[in-house]
Amino acid sequence: MDVHLLVYDLSRGLAKQMSVGLLGFQLDAVYHTSIQLNGREYVYDGNIVSIIPGSSHLGRPLEEMYLGKTEFRCADNIASSANGSDRGVFRFTERNLHSRATFLLGKGIPDYIVNMPQTVLSSPMGQMLMPMLNQQIHANKRGGGILGIQQNTPGSTSKPKAELHHHEGKVHNVTSLNELQSLLEKFQNSCAVVFFTSATCPPCKVLYPLYDQLAAEVGDKGVLIKVDVSAAFDVGSAYLVSATPTFVTFLKGKQENRWSGADRGALQGNVRLLVQMAWPAHAHQSLNLPTFSNPGTKPVLYTKVPPLEKLLAKMGSDAENPAVQGVKHFIEARSQDGPAEATLPDMAAFTTFVRQSIKNVPTDTLFTVVDLMRIGLVDPRFSGYLAEEVVHGTVTALLEHVNDLKECPYALRLVTLQMACNLFSSQLYADEVLSNDKLRTCLTQLVSASFLDDNHNNVRVAAASLLFNIALANSRKRQDGPGDVLPQDDQIELAASILEAIAQEESSGEALEGMLLALGYLAYRMPLDGELSDLLRTMDAGNSILEKKKAFPDMKLIDEVGSELLGKGLNKP
């Protein structure tokens, strides 16, 4: 089945004409993409919906790209991850469809489209324009969608509004003092706005649409509350409200401002200033950190394909298993004809084979099974299957087995690390790593134990690469904010482990560089008053890293991490 990418320009040509003057660089279009498959167009419009191709108000696409063929015929594989975010619809669309395209084909949307939002947002003007763009997008969604699509039209795969899974900011209507206090307590570490209104206040009603837009803009960085004091008498009395509209703002649990009147500019300005005070620009953004501020950084993957006949020969009779032969043919087709022409093997049969191998295959030859799995995981569909079909227990069981070995053979440890790195070929599995406690614990144990291998540089390099992939995935989630995804305990354990490994590394520049990258992404834009930053200060991490210049004088990354990120960058705000 053919898969096409439809590319639209939301700016209708204005980006190409005005981008140099506004942004300081040439931007050909503000890209909005959709996927065309089996006679339907799948497009993000609050969630992923199915429409007749070309039926949106955007008209004909700017470009139609042929991505390849897929054997997946179920449209649910596209629509299943409809979980938009009020933190930026602009960014979400391309990332989401990119993951869907890689699941279907093994390759995604071209990088220049995927990276366009981050490129714009990295510019000063782009940061200023972002709230306006998101506000316009959310306003369009309430009026029928950014593409003018009604959410529940016949033939659409969209869900009813109550079933949407994205976390769009909304106004909370409060009817009692206890309810208000509970909500304010929930957001005592960020910010809150209380809009006191009444049923007989026409100026209040004029502000309702703007207040809704501001709630969508603020998202989960704060909470916007509405109280009808003509019904909730206890609330109005407690806050001495004598006129409506009246607004009271709270910052970090304390009252910050209060004003009355239906001034749209005052409401908009005060709310945006409040959010900026609650979530100020991170200190790291003003430092010289070119490595860690690069939005195009990708996870480390081990893609080399060894001679498959030799690898399978080491398996013995297991090589004739149909599941093994299916993966072998998939790898060969992918290498010879490209990802789009390679059909996924019987994944259920292969995962069953792997689980049986953990129990039955001798430890000295188990590495052959893991290496075959490593090569398959280079394809995002392969790792995406493991994440989406809820059989990631296969990977966890394998990692537990390797971690439990009293003496793990060198070959098995190395290919297990490399296999784990390749899980990150799919963003779907990256999300699974960050959210699954058991899986994440297994990976942390594997990394920590592998750093202790003084005899094999490439084991330490692979361990650093795996930790880098974990830290990079968490860093991307952190930048979308607010807050971290990787639990604090895991961050601290990983940071302590890698600092010890850095201190002991004397021979391998490649291993040290990987460790510095992993630690850097673990620390980049971390909360400066959190437990991880306290640990790094206590361990004097910046100076400890700068000490490595004695053994590695030409490594520039030492200065970037030691002096900038963990030196200047550890200063509390």
Protein backbone atom coordinates (compact mmCIF):
# COMPACT_ATOMS: atom_id res chain seq x y z
CA MET A 1 0.00 0.00 0.00
CA ASP A 2 1.47 3.39 -1.02
CA VAL A 3 2.10 6.04 1.63
CA HIS A 4 2.36 9.73 0.71
CA LEU A 5 3.24 12.79 2.79
CA LEU A 6 1.17 15.90 2.01
CA VAL A 7 2.95 19.16 2.85
CA TYR A 8 1.03 22.42 3.39
CA ASP A 9 2.26 25.96 4.10
CA LEU A 10 0.23 27.53 6.91
CA SER A 11 1.70 30.95 6.14
CA ARG A 12 0.38 30.91 2.55
CA GLY A 13 3.72 32.18 1.21
CA LEU A 14 4.37 34.84 3.87
CA ALA A 15 7.15 32.86 5.54
CA LYS A 16 9.21 32.80 2.35
CA GLN A 17 8.73 36.55 1.85
CA MET A 18 9.18 37.82 5.42
CA SER A 19 11.18 35.24 7.39
CA VAL A 20 14.60 36.85 6.89
CA GLY A 21 13.41 40.17 8.29
CA LEU A 22 11.49 38.63 11.19
CA LEU A 23 13.62 35.62 12.15
CA GLY A 24 17.04 36.45 10.75
CA PHE A 25 17.14 33.43 8.44
CA GLN A 26 15.30 32.11 5.39
CA LEU A 27 12.25 29.93 6.08
CA ASP A 28 10.51 28.65 2.97
CA ALA A 29 7.24 27.70 4.69
CA VAL A 30 5.49 27.08 7.99
CA TYR A 31 5.02 23.38 7.34
CA HIS A 32 1.91 21.42 8.26
CA THR A 33 1.91 17.80 7.15
CA SER A 34 -0.46 14.89 6.83
CA ILE A 35 -0.21 11.28 5.71
CA GLN A 36 -2.23 9.87 2.82
CA LEU A 37 -2.90 6.13 3.00
CA ASN A 38 -5.48 3.84 1.41
CA GLY A 39 -7.55 6.70 -0.02
CA ARG A 40 -7.72 8.70 3.24
CA GLU A 41 -5.76 11.67 4.57
CA TYR A 42 -4.67 11.50 8.23
CA VAL A 43 -4.03 14.91 9.75
CA TYR A 44 -3.57 16.37 13.24
CA ASP A 45 -6.49 18.59 14.20
CA GLY A 46 -6.65 18.42 18.00
CA ASN A 47 -6.29 14.69 17.58
CA ILE A 48 -5.46 12.68 14.45
CA VAL A 49 -8.49 12.51 12.16
CA SER A 50 -9.24 10.87 8.84
CA ILE A 51 -10.60 13.02 6.01
CA ILE A 52 -11.15 12.87 2.27
CA PRO A 53 -7.79 13.91 0.73
CA GLY A 54 -7.71 17.64 -0.03
CA SER A 55 -11.01 18.40 1.73
CA SER A 56 -9.57 20.84 4.29
CA HIS A 57 -9.74 24.59 3.74
CA LEU A 58 -5.98 24.63 3.03
CA GLY A 59 -6.75 23.36 -0.43
CA ARG A 60 -4.07 21.70 -2.49
CA PRO A 61 -0.84 20.76 -0.70
CA LEU A 62 2.40 22.60 -1.40
CA GLU A 63 4.06 19.26 -2.14
CA GLU A 64 3.18 15.56 -2.21
CA MET A 65 6.04 13.21 -1.30
CA TYR A 66 6.03 9.47 -1.94
CA LEU A 67 7.36 7.84 1.23
CA GLY A 68 7.11 4.19 0.20
CA LYS A 69 4.98 1.10 0.67
CA THR A 70 3.68 -0.49 3.86
CA GLU A 71 2.06 -3.79 4.72
CA PHE A 72 0.13 -2.25 7.61
CA ARG A 73 -3.49 -1.86 6.54
CA CYS A 74 -5.00 -0.78 9.84
CA ALA A 75 -5.51 2.97 10.09
CA ASP A 76 -5.41 2.66 13.89
CA ASN A 77 -1.63 2.50 13.62
CA ILE A 78 -1.78 6.15 12.57
CA ALA A 79 -4.62 7.36 14.74
CA SER A 80 -3.65 5.54 17.94
CA SER A 81 -1.22 8.17 19.20
CA ALA A 82 -3.55 11.16 19.02
CA ASN A 83 -2.34 12.84 22.18
CA GLY A 84 -1.78 16.47 21.32
CA SER A 85 -0.32 18.95 23.74
CA ASP A 86 -1.16 22.49 24.57
CA ARG A 87 2.55 23.06 25.02
CA GLY A 88 2.70 23.55 21.28
CA VAL A 89 0.48 22.12 18.59
CA PHE A 90 2.92 23.72 16.16
CA ARG A 91 5.62 21.30 17.33
CA PHE A 92 3.43 18.29 18.01
CA THR A 93 2.09 17.74 14.51
CA GLU A 94 5.35 16.95 12.75
CA ARG A 95 6.78 14.87 15.61
CA ASN A 96 3.65 12.77 15.89
CA LEU A 97 3.28 12.07 12.18
CA HIS A 98 7.03 11.44 12.00
CA SER A 99 6.65 8.60 14.54
CA ARG A 100 3.63 7.24 12.64
CA ALA A 101 5.54 7.32 9.34
CA THR A 102 8.52 5.50 10.83
CA PHE A 103 6.22 2.89 12.29
CA LEU A 104 4.65 2.26 8.88
CA LEU A 105 7.75 2.48 6.71
CA GLY A 106 10.94 2.49 8.76
CA LYS A 107 11.62 6.09 7.76
CA GLY A 108 9.86 9.30 8.66
CA ILE A 109 9.25 12.87 7.57
CA PRO A 110 12.32 14.71 6.18
CA ASP A 111 14.44 16.38 8.88
CA TYR A 112 14.01 19.90 7.46
CA ILE A 113 10.27 19.64 8.16
CA VAL A 114 10.54 17.91 11.55
CA ASN A 115 13.18 20.38 12.80
CA MET A 116 11.46 23.51 11.45
CA PRO A 117 9.45 24.27 14.62
CA GLN A 118 12.50 23.99 16.89
CA THR A 119 14.56 26.10 14.49
CA VAL A 120 11.97 28.86 14.63
CA LEU A 121 11.51 28.59 18.40
CA SER A 122 15.27 28.83 18.99
CA SER A 123 15.26 32.34 17.53
CA PRO A 124 14.33 35.35 19.74
CA MET A 125 11.51 36.38 17.41
CA GLY A 126 10.21 32.82 17.25
CA GLN A 127 9.91 32.71 21.05
CA MET A 128 7.92 35.94 20.93
CA LEU A 129 5.62 34.66 18.19
CA MET A 130 5.01 31.22 19.72
CA PRO A 131 2.22 32.21 22.17
CA MET A 132 0.39 34.00 19.35
CA LEU A 133 0.70 30.98 17.03
CA ASN A 134 -0.55 28.55 19.67
CA GLN A 135 -3.38 30.90 20.62
CA GLN A 136 -4.48 31.11 16.99
CA ILE A 137 -4.28 27.34 16.57
CA HIS A 138 -6.38 26.70 19.68
CA ALA A 139 -8.89 29.34 18.58
CA ASN A 140 -9.15 27.58 15.22
CA LYS A 141 -9.68 24.25 16.95
CA ARG A 142 -12.69 25.60 18.84
CA GLY A 143 -14.11 26.90 15.55
CA GLY A 144 -13.81 23.64 13.66
CA GLY A 145 -10.07 22.96 13.61
CA ILE A 146 -6.88 24.32 12.14
CA LEU A 147 -7.86 22.70 8.86
CA GLY A 148 -11.55 23.55 9.18
CA ILE A 149 -12.43 19.93 10.02
CA GLN A 150 -15.42 19.12 12.20
CA GLN A 151 -14.35 16.53 14.76
CA ASN A 152 -17.19 14.02 14.40
CA THR A 153 -17.95 13.93 10.69
CA PRO A 154 -18.99 10.67 9.03
CA GLY A 155 -16.00 8.60 7.99
CA SER A 156 -13.74 10.24 10.55
CA THR A 157 -11.71 8.17 13.01
CA SER A 158 -11.70 10.97 15.59
CA LYS A 159 -13.06 10.34 19.06
CA PRO A 160 -15.74 12.35 20.85
CA LYS A 161 -14.34 15.37 22.61
CA ALA A 162 -14.70 13.80 26.06
CA GLU A 163 -12.46 10.92 24.99
CA LEU A 164 -9.54 12.97 23.65
CA HIS A 165 -6.32 12.18 25.46
CA HIS A 166 -4.40 15.43 25.06
CA HIS A 167 -3.91 17.65 28.11
CA GLU A 168 -5.30 20.91 26.82
CA GLY A 169 -5.36 23.78 29.32
CA LYS A 170 -8.87 24.65 30.40
CA VAL A 171 -10.69 27.03 32.71
CA HIS A 172 -11.76 25.38 35.97
CA ASN A 173 -15.21 26.49 37.17
CA VAL A 174 -15.25 26.49 40.97
CA THR A 175 -18.41 26.56 43.09
CA SER A 176 -17.12 26.43 46.69
CA LEU A 177 -14.30 27.73 48.87
CA ASN A 178 -13.02 24.21 49.61
CA GLU A 179 -12.85 23.43 45.90
CA LEU A 180 -10.92 26.65 45.25
CA GLN A 181 -8.44 26.04 48.06
CA SER A 182 -7.84 22.49 46.89
CA LEU A 183 -7.09 23.68 43.35
CA LEU A 184 -4.78 26.46 44.55
CA GLU A 185 -2.90 23.97 46.71
CA LYS A 186 -2.41 21.68 43.72
CA PHE A 187 -0.69 24.51 41.82
CA GLN A 188 1.20 26.04 44.75
CA ASN A 189 4.52 25.32 43.02
CA SER A 190 3.54 27.21 39.88
CA CYS A 191 0.83 29.86 39.41
CA ALA A 192 -2.92 30.45 39.39
CA VAL A 193 -5.41 33.08 38.24
CA VAL A 194 -8.88 33.45 39.79
CA PHE A 195 -11.51 35.27 37.72
CA PHE A 196 -14.38 36.43 39.95
CA THR A 197 -17.47 36.88 37.80
CA SER A 198 -21.25 36.95 38.22
CA ALA A 199 -24.32 36.03 36.22
CA THR A 200 -25.36 39.69 35.85
CA CYS A 201 -21.99 41.03 34.65
CA PRO A 202 -21.95 41.73 30.85
CA PRO A 203 -18.27 42.92 30.85
CA CYS A 204 -17.31 39.59 32.43
CA LYS A 205 -18.89 37.62 29.59
CA VAL A 206 -16.96 39.67 27.04
CA LEU A 207 -13.72 38.39 28.62
CA TYR A 208 -14.71 34.70 28.64
CA PRO A 209 -13.31 33.87 25.15
CA LEU A 210 -9.98 35.56 25.93
CA TYR A 211 -9.79 33.75 29.27
CA ASP A 212 -10.34 30.43 27.50
CA GLN A 213 -7.55 31.25 25.04
CA LEU A 214 -5.18 32.16 27.87
CA ALA A 215 -5.97 28.86 29.63
CA ALA A 216 -5.01 26.96 26.47
CA GLU A 217 -1.84 29.06 26.17
CA VAL A 218 -0.83 28.50 29.81
CA GLY A 219 -1.51 24.76 29.63
CA ASP A 220 -0.14 22.83 32.60
CA LYS A 221 2.24 25.60 33.63
CA GLY A 222 -0.54 27.03 35.79
CA VAL A 223 -4.28 27.05 36.34
CA LEU A 224 -6.99 29.52 35.35
CA ILE A 225 -10.06 29.46 37.59
CA LYS A 226 -13.48 31.06 37.23
CA VAL A 227 -15.80 31.70 40.21
CA ASP A 228 -19.40 32.95 39.92
CA VAL A 229 -19.73 34.88 43.20
CA SER A 230 -23.49 35.23 42.68
CA ALA A 231 -23.67 31.48 43.36
CA ALA A 232 -20.49 30.79 45.40
CA PHE A 233 -21.15 33.29 48.20
CA ASP A 234 -18.50 31.82 50.52
CA VAL A 235 -15.76 32.43 47.95
CA GLY A 236 -16.75 36.01 47.25
CA SER A 237 -16.93 36.73 50.98
CA ALA A 238 -13.55 35.11 51.72
CA TYR A 239 -11.80 37.21 49.05
CA LEU A 240 -13.76 40.42 49.76
CA VAL A 241 -15.02 40.69 46.19
CA SER A 242 -17.17 43.82 45.90
CA ALA A 243 -17.28 44.15 42.10
CA THR A 244 -16.94 41.99 39.04
CA PRO A 245 -14.86 41.28 37.07
CA THR A 246 -12.11 41.02 39.69
CA PHE A 247 -8.91 39.03 39.20
CA VAL A 248 -6.51 37.64 41.83
CA THR A 249 -3.24 35.93 40.85
CA PHE A 250 -1.10 33.56 42.89
CA LEU A 251 2.61 32.81 42.44
CA LYS A 252 4.24 29.86 44.21
CA GLY A 253 1.31 29.63 46.62
CA LYS A 254 1.17 33.32 47.59
CA GLN A 255 -1.11 36.10 46.34
CA GLU A 256 0.80 38.09 43.74
CA ASN A 257 -1.61 40.65 42.23
CA ARG A 258 -5.22 41.86 42.29
CA TRP A 259 -7.16 44.15 39.95
CA SER A 260 -10.69 44.86 38.75
CA GLY A 261 -12.17 45.84 35.41
CA ALA A 262 -12.64 44.38 31.94
CA ASP A 263 -9.35 45.55 30.45
CA ARG A 264 -8.33 42.87 27.91
CA GLY A 265 -4.76 44.15 27.68
CA ALA A 266 -4.31 44.08 31.45
CA LEU A 267 -5.69 40.55 31.70
CA GLN A 268 -3.55 39.22 28.87
CA GLY A 269 -0.38 41.01 30.01
CA ASN A 270 -0.73 40.08 33.68
CA VAL A 271 -1.38 36.40 32.96
CA ARG A 272 1.59 36.08 30.60
CA LEU A 273 3.87 37.91 33.04
CA LEU A 274 2.70 35.62 35.83
CA VAL A 275 3.62 32.51 33.83
CA GLN A 276 7.03 33.98 32.98
CA MET A 277 7.68 34.61 36.67
CA ALA A 278 6.57 31.07 37.56
CA TRP A 279 8.61 29.50 34.77
CA PRO A 280 11.52 31.87 34.02
CA ALA A 281 13.96 31.17 31.20
CA HIS A 282 16.49 28.60 32.38
CA ALA A 283 19.98 29.87 33.20
CA HIS A 284 21.49 27.34 30.80
CA GLN A 285 19.89 29.15 27.87
CA SER A 286 22.24 32.11 28.35
CA LEU A 287 25.39 29.96 28.46
CA ASN A 288 27.70 28.89 25.64
CA LEU A 289 26.36 25.34 25.22
CA PRO A 290 26.29 24.64 21.46
CA THR A 291 26.30 20.87 21.93
CA PHE A 292 23.29 20.72 24.21
CA SER A 293 21.20 23.46 22.62
CA ASN A 294 21.32 21.72 19.23
CA PRO A 295 17.75 20.58 18.42
CA GLY A 296 18.95 18.13 15.76
CA THR A 297 20.83 15.75 18.09
CA LYS A 298 19.86 12.13 17.51
CA PRO A 299 20.24 9.00 19.65
CA VAL A 300 23.23 6.71 19.15
CA LEU A 301 22.35 3.59 17.16
CA TYR A 302 24.50 0.56 16.35
CA THR A 303 23.58 -0.17 12.75
CA LYS A 304 26.41 -2.38 11.47
CA VAL A 305 25.17 -5.64 9.95
CA PRO A 306 27.64 -8.55 10.31
CA PRO A 307 27.66 -11.47 7.85
CA LEU A 308 24.33 -13.05 8.73
CA GLU A 309 25.31 -16.55 7.61
CA LYS A 310 28.22 -16.57 10.07
CA LEU A 311 26.05 -15.18 12.87
CA LEU A 312 23.35 -17.78 12.33
CA ALA A 313 25.91 -20.57 12.06
CA LYS A 314 26.88 -19.85 15.68
CA MET A 315 23.24 -20.43 16.70
CA GLY A 316 23.35 -24.07 15.67
CA SER A 317 19.98 -25.69 15.05
CA ASP A 318 18.11 -22.59 16.29
CA ALA A 319 19.07 -20.84 13.07
CA GLU A 320 16.47 -22.92 11.22
CA ASN A 321 13.65 -21.63 13.38
CA PRO A 322 11.10 -19.88 11.08
CA ALA A 323 11.12 -16.83 13.36
CA VAL A 324 14.90 -16.49 12.97
CA GLN A 325 14.71 -16.96 9.21
CA GLY A 326 11.96 -14.34 9.01
CA VAL A 327 14.12 -11.73 10.76
CA LYS A 328 17.07 -12.70 8.56
CA HIS A 329 15.05 -12.13 5.38
CA PHE A 330 13.73 -8.82 6.76
CA ILE A 331 17.26 -7.56 7.47
CA GLU A 332 18.48 -8.64 4.04
CA ALA A 333 15.55 -6.99 2.25
CA ARG A 334 16.02 -3.80 4.25
CA SER A 335 19.73 -3.68 3.41
CA GLN A 336 19.27 -4.43 -0.30
CA ASP A 337 16.00 -2.68 -1.20
CA GLY A 338 15.59 -0.05 1.51
CA PRO A 339 13.30 0.17 4.57
CA ALA A 340 10.16 0.96 2.60
CA GLU A 341 10.37 -2.30 0.67
CA ALA A 342 11.09 -4.55 3.67
CA THR A 343 8.06 -6.25 5.22
CA LEU A 344 8.13 -6.82 8.97
CA PRO A 345 8.63 -10.46 9.96
CA ASP A 346 6.33 -12.38 12.29
CA MET A 347 7.13 -10.32 15.39
CA ALA A 348 5.02 -12.40 17.78
CA ALA A 349 6.91 -15.53 16.74
CA PHE A 350 10.27 -13.81 17.12
CA THR A 351 9.56 -12.44 20.61
CA THR A 352 8.42 -15.91 21.65
CA PHE A 353 11.70 -17.30 20.29
CA VAL A 354 13.70 -14.72 22.27
CA ARG A 355 11.91 -15.55 25.53
CA GLN A 356 12.53 -19.25 24.97
CA SER A 357 16.19 -18.57 24.15
CA ILE A 358 16.69 -16.78 27.48
CA LYS A 359 15.83 -20.07 29.20
CA ASN A 360 17.30 -22.60 26.80
CA VAL A 361 20.28 -21.14 24.91
CA PRO A 362 23.70 -21.47 26.62
CA THR A 363 25.05 -18.17 27.96
CA ASP A 364 28.10 -18.31 25.69
CA THR A 365 25.95 -18.32 22.54
CA LEU A 366 22.99 -16.19 23.68
CA PHE A 367 24.77 -13.15 22.23
CA THR A 368 23.86 -14.39 18.72
CA VAL A 369 20.13 -14.07 19.49
CA VAL A 370 20.64 -10.63 21.04
CA ASP A 371 22.74 -9.47 18.09
CA LEU A 372 20.05 -10.53 15.62
CA MET A 373 17.56 -8.58 17.71
CA ARG A 374 19.93 -5.57 17.73
CA ILE A 375 20.05 -5.49 13.93
CA GLY A 376 16.27 -5.73 13.66
CA LEU A 377 15.81 -2.86 16.12
CA VAL A 378 17.60 -0.48 13.76
CA ASP A 379 14.24 -0.32 11.99
CA PRO A 380 11.78 1.91 13.94
CA ARG A 381 8.91 -0.41 13.05
CA PHE A 382 10.69 -3.27 14.80
CA SER A 383 11.23 -1.30 18.03
CA GLY A 384 7.86 0.41 17.59
CA TYR A 385 6.19 -2.99 17.58
CA LEU A 386 7.87 -3.92 20.85
CA ALA A 387 6.63 -0.69 22.40
CA GLU A 388 3.12 -0.55 20.96
CA GLU A 389 2.13 -4.21 21.11
CA VAL A 390 2.85 -4.44 24.85
CA VAL A 391 5.46 -7.15 24.48
CA HIS A 392 8.28 -5.02 25.85
CA GLY A 393 8.38 -7.65 28.62
CA THR A 394 10.59 -9.60 26.21
CA VAL A 395 13.29 -6.92 26.38
CA THR A 396 12.90 -6.55 30.15
CA ALA A 397 13.22 -10.31 30.65
CA LEU A 398 16.40 -10.34 28.57
CA LEU A 399 17.92 -7.44 30.50
CA GLU A 400 17.04 -9.05 33.83
CA HIS A 401 18.72 -12.26 32.73
CA VAL A 402 21.92 -10.44 31.72
CA ASN A 403 21.97 -8.38 34.94
CA ASP A 404 21.51 -11.52 37.08
CA LEU A 405 24.53 -13.31 35.61
CA LYS A 406 27.40 -13.48 38.09
CA GLU A 407 29.90 -13.29 35.24
CA CYS A 408 28.41 -11.97 32.02
CA PRO A 409 30.49 -12.92 28.94
CA TYR A 410 32.03 -9.94 27.18
CA ALA A 411 30.24 -10.54 23.87
CA LEU A 412 26.83 -10.86 25.53
CA ARG A 413 27.27 -7.67 27.59
CA LEU A 414 28.45 -5.67 24.58
CA VAL A 415 25.64 -6.68 22.21
CA THR A 416 23.05 -6.26 24.98
CA LEU A 417 24.18 -2.66 25.46
CA GLN A 418 24.11 -2.07 21.71
CA MET A 419 20.69 -3.72 21.41
CA ALA A 420 19.36 -1.46 24.18
CA CYS A 421 20.68 1.61 22.35
CA ASN A 422 18.75 0.58 19.25
CA LEU A 423 15.48 0.56 21.18
CA PHE A 424 15.66 4.33 20.75
CA SER A 425 15.30 4.09 16.97
CA SER A 426 11.61 4.64 17.76
CA GLN A 427 10.32 7.51 19.88
CA LEU A 428 7.60 5.11 20.97
CA TYR A 429 10.16 3.01 22.79
CA ALA A 430 11.94 6.08 24.17
CA ASP A 431 8.66 7.01 25.86
CA GLU A 432 8.34 3.45 27.16
CA VAL A 433 11.83 3.61 28.71
CA LEU A 434 11.02 6.83 30.55
CA SER A 435 7.66 5.65 31.85
CA ASN A 436 8.21 1.95 32.64
CA ASP A 437 9.82 1.57 36.08
CA LYS A 438 10.88 -2.06 35.66
CA LEU A 439 12.45 -1.55 32.24
CA ARG A 440 14.21 1.64 33.32
CA THR A 441 15.64 -0.08 36.43
CA CYS A 442 17.05 -2.87 34.26
CA LEU A 443 18.74 -0.37 31.95
CA THR A 444 20.17 1.59 34.88
CA GLN A 445 21.67 -1.58 36.37
CA LEU A 446 23.12 -2.57 33.00
CA VAL A 447 24.76 0.84 32.53
CA SER A 448 26.20 1.01 36.06
CA ALA A 449 27.69 -2.49 35.90
CA SER A 450 29.16 -1.91 32.43
CA PHE A 451 31.01 1.24 33.50
CA LEU A 452 33.02 -0.99 35.88
CA ASP A 453 34.53 -2.98 32.99
CA ASP A 454 38.11 -1.69 33.00
CA ASN A 455 39.27 -4.22 30.40
CA HIS A 456 37.04 -3.29 27.47
CA ASN A 457 36.85 0.28 26.21
CA ASN A 458 34.03 -0.52 23.80
CA VAL A 459 31.81 -1.80 26.64
CA ARG A 460 32.21 1.54 28.42
CA VAL A 461 31.55 3.39 25.16
CA ALA A 462 28.34 1.41 24.59
CA ALA A 463 27.25 2.01 28.21
CA ALA A 464 27.83 5.74 27.77
CA SER A 465 25.84 5.65 24.51
CA LEU A 466 22.90 3.96 26.23
CA LEU A 467 22.90 6.49 29.07
CA PHE A 468 23.18 9.28 26.49
CA ASN A 469 20.05 8.00 24.73
CA ILE A 470 18.13 7.90 28.02
CA ALA A 471 19.33 11.37 29.02
CA LEU A 472 18.56 12.81 25.57
CA ALA A 473 15.00 11.45 25.64
CA ASN A 474 14.46 12.92 29.11
CA SER A 475 16.00 16.25 28.07
CA ARG A 476 13.55 16.58 25.17
CA LYS A 477 10.61 15.90 27.47
CA ARG A 478 12.06 18.36 30.01
CA GLN A 479 12.31 21.14 27.45
CA ASP A 480 8.63 20.66 26.57
CA GLY A 481 8.08 21.07 30.33
CA PRO A 482 7.18 21.76 32.95
CA GLY A 483 8.99 19.18 35.05
CA ASP A 484 10.98 16.03 34.40
CA VAL A 485 9.82 12.65 33.19
CA LEU A 486 12.74 10.59 34.50
CA PRO A 487 12.26 10.18 38.29
CA GLN A 488 14.69 12.06 40.53
CA ASP A 489 15.99 8.84 42.12
CA ASP A 490 16.94 7.47 38.70
CA GLN A 491 18.62 10.73 37.71
CA ILE A 492 20.68 10.77 40.88
CA GLU A 493 21.71 7.13 40.56
CA LEU A 494 22.71 7.59 36.92
CA ALA A 495 24.58 10.84 37.62
CA ALA A 496 26.53 9.34 40.52
CA SER A 497 27.40 6.31 38.40
CA ILE A 498 28.62 8.32 35.45
CA LEU A 499 30.61 10.77 37.60
CA GLU A 500 32.46 7.84 39.10
CA ALA A 501 33.07 6.40 35.64
CA ILE A 502 34.37 9.78 34.39
CA ALA A 503 36.77 10.04 37.32
CA GLN A 504 38.18 6.58 36.57
CA GLU A 505 38.40 6.95 32.77
CA GLU A 506 42.06 7.39 31.78
CA SER A 507 42.51 5.53 28.50
CA SER A 508 39.58 5.97 26.12
CA GLY A 509 38.75 9.41 24.76
CA GLU A 510 35.72 7.97 22.99
CA ALA A 511 34.34 6.57 26.25
CA LEU A 512 34.97 9.83 28.11
CA GLU A 513 33.29 11.89 25.40
CA GLY A 514 30.23 9.63 25.53
CA MET A 515 30.08 9.92 29.31
CA LEU A 516 30.33 13.72 29.17
CA LEU A 517 27.54 13.89 26.60
CA ALA A 518 25.33 11.65 28.73
CA LEU A 519 25.98 13.65 31.90
CA GLY A 520 25.52 16.89 30.00
CA TYR A 521 22.08 15.97 28.70
CA LEU A 522 21.12 14.65 32.14
CA ALA A 523 21.98 18.07 33.60
CA TYR A 524 20.92 20.40 30.77
CA ARG A 525 18.03 22.61 31.93
CA MET A 526 17.59 20.60 35.14
CA PRO A 527 15.82 22.35 38.05
CA LEU A 528 18.58 24.35 39.73
CA ASP A 529 16.98 23.91 43.15
CA GLY A 530 16.41 20.16 42.71
CA GLU A 531 18.11 17.07 44.10
CA LEU A 532 20.19 16.42 40.98
CA SER A 533 21.73 19.91 40.99
CA ASP A 534 22.39 19.59 44.75
CA LEU A 535 24.22 16.31 44.13
CA LEU A 536 26.35 17.82 41.37
CA ARG A 537 27.27 20.77 43.61
CA THR A 538 28.10 18.48 46.54
CA MET A 539 30.33 16.31 44.35
CA ASP A 540 31.97 19.42 42.83
CA ALA A 541 31.18 17.90 39.44
CA GLY A 542 32.39 20.86 37.37
CA ASN A 543 35.91 20.88 38.79
CA SER A 544 36.10 17.08 38.76
CA ILE A 545 35.43 17.12 35.03
CA LEU A 546 37.91 19.93 34.38
CA GLU A 547 40.55 17.72 36.00
CA LYS A 548 40.24 15.40 32.99
CA LYS A 549 42.01 18.01 30.85
CA LYS A 550 45.28 16.68 32.22
CA ALA A 551 44.74 13.33 30.50
CA PHE A 552 42.68 14.65 27.56
CA PRO A 553 43.94 18.19 26.86
CA ASP A 554 42.36 18.50 23.38
CA MET A 555 38.79 17.53 24.29
CA LYS A 556 36.68 20.72 23.99
CA LEU A 557 33.64 19.04 25.52
CA ILE A 558 35.40 19.02 28.90
CA ASP A 559 35.23 22.83 29.03
CA GLU A 560 31.64 22.97 27.80
CA VAL A 561 30.42 20.51 30.43
CA GLY A 562 32.80 21.28 33.29
CA SER A 563 33.12 25.06 33.06
CA GLU A 564 29.85 26.15 31.46
CA LEU A 565 27.17 23.55 32.20
CA LEU A 566 28.36 22.34 35.62
CA GLY A 567 30.36 25.44 36.52
CA LYS A 568 28.43 28.60 35.71
CA GLY A 569 25.28 26.59 35.07
CA LEU A 570 24.97 25.33 38.65
CA ASN A 571 24.45 28.82 40.07
CA LYS A 572 21.05 29.04 41.70
CA PRO A 573 18.66 31.65 40.29
